[in-house]
Amino acid sequence: MMPFQKILFPVDFSQAVIDLAPSVAEMAARFGAAVTVLNAFNLVRNYSLAPSADDLWDAEFVPIPYSAALQKLRDLRVRRLEEFARTHFSNTSPSTLVEDGDPAMVIEWAAHHENADLVMMPTKGLGRFRRLLLGSVTAKVLHDVACPVLTSAHEPDPGSLAPAGCRSVLCAVNMDSETADVFRAAAFLAKSFGARVCLLHIEPSAGQSGQPSDPQEIRDAFERAVGPGGAAIGAKARVRIMDAAIPEGIRRIATEEEADLVVVGRGHARETFSQAWSHLYAIIRESPCPVLSV
């Protein structure tokens, strides 16, 4: 999972994507990662279809042919994407990819086909009402794509959209089977950016059974997960335990810690249907900074 070597950047030419492009370029430069700039050509619904779930990775899949008029529009889209890549990635040499079909399915296919180890995309939480909603494409990608996904802050005016110059990382864990992966991701980014780390565990609501967690146990679990070098980072990490609703608690601590990035699990441990997954959309909506879900 780490370090990042291939970044997939889905592009729909919106202002949110344009705002995120400098952060994608910065991440690529910092980690020496290759970038694939992707666009889903889905101009006419039900005319050009992404592969079905059953044949999603079938190399023999043949797309539906276009009429001359639609092919011309697709060619224009290819040139527009190439111009976008030249404009926003002048210091790198990204590859461009236009694929036919539903955007979420195209992103899932491309992440697998390109062996991406990071997807970067905005959430499009604009306006007082839309801030309550997570973009449908983003929601599908979070649910279906296996690699880590970095989403921009879901604020109407998000400001900095990615951990460029990241100084503070909040690592929020549920102390389940995904916790080690979340710890490792946070430690990797903290080391890469020279950032401080806060380890946050939100306890079950008052009234439920169970002993409160010991901060030293959380620190020890972090050091075990990270391995060599974990002790140095863990010794400096702050550990915070609180009783609160998960999204609101993460938002509060992220604000208090002046976090530039929140790292959480994404519920791949489906046998427990982890709290991180059930609250993920709300965590992203409420976070004052970008969220990396692993």
Foldseek 3Di string as FASTA:
>chain_A
DDDFAEEEEEDPPDPQSVLCLLVVLLSCVLRVHAYEYEYEPEPDPPQWAQDDPVCNQPPPDDTHDDDPVVVVVVVVVQVVSVVVCCVRNVPDDHHYYYHYHDLLSVVQSCCVVVVGQEYEDEQPLADPVSLVDGDPSVVSNLVRHDHKYKYFANDNCLPDGACDLFAEEEQEEAPDPCNLVSLQVRVVVCVSNVHAYEYEYEDEAPPDDDDDDDQVVVLVSSCVSNDVVSNVRSVRYHYDYYHDDVLVVQQVVCVVRVGQEYEYEQQPVVVVSDPCNVCVVSNRSRHSHMYIYD
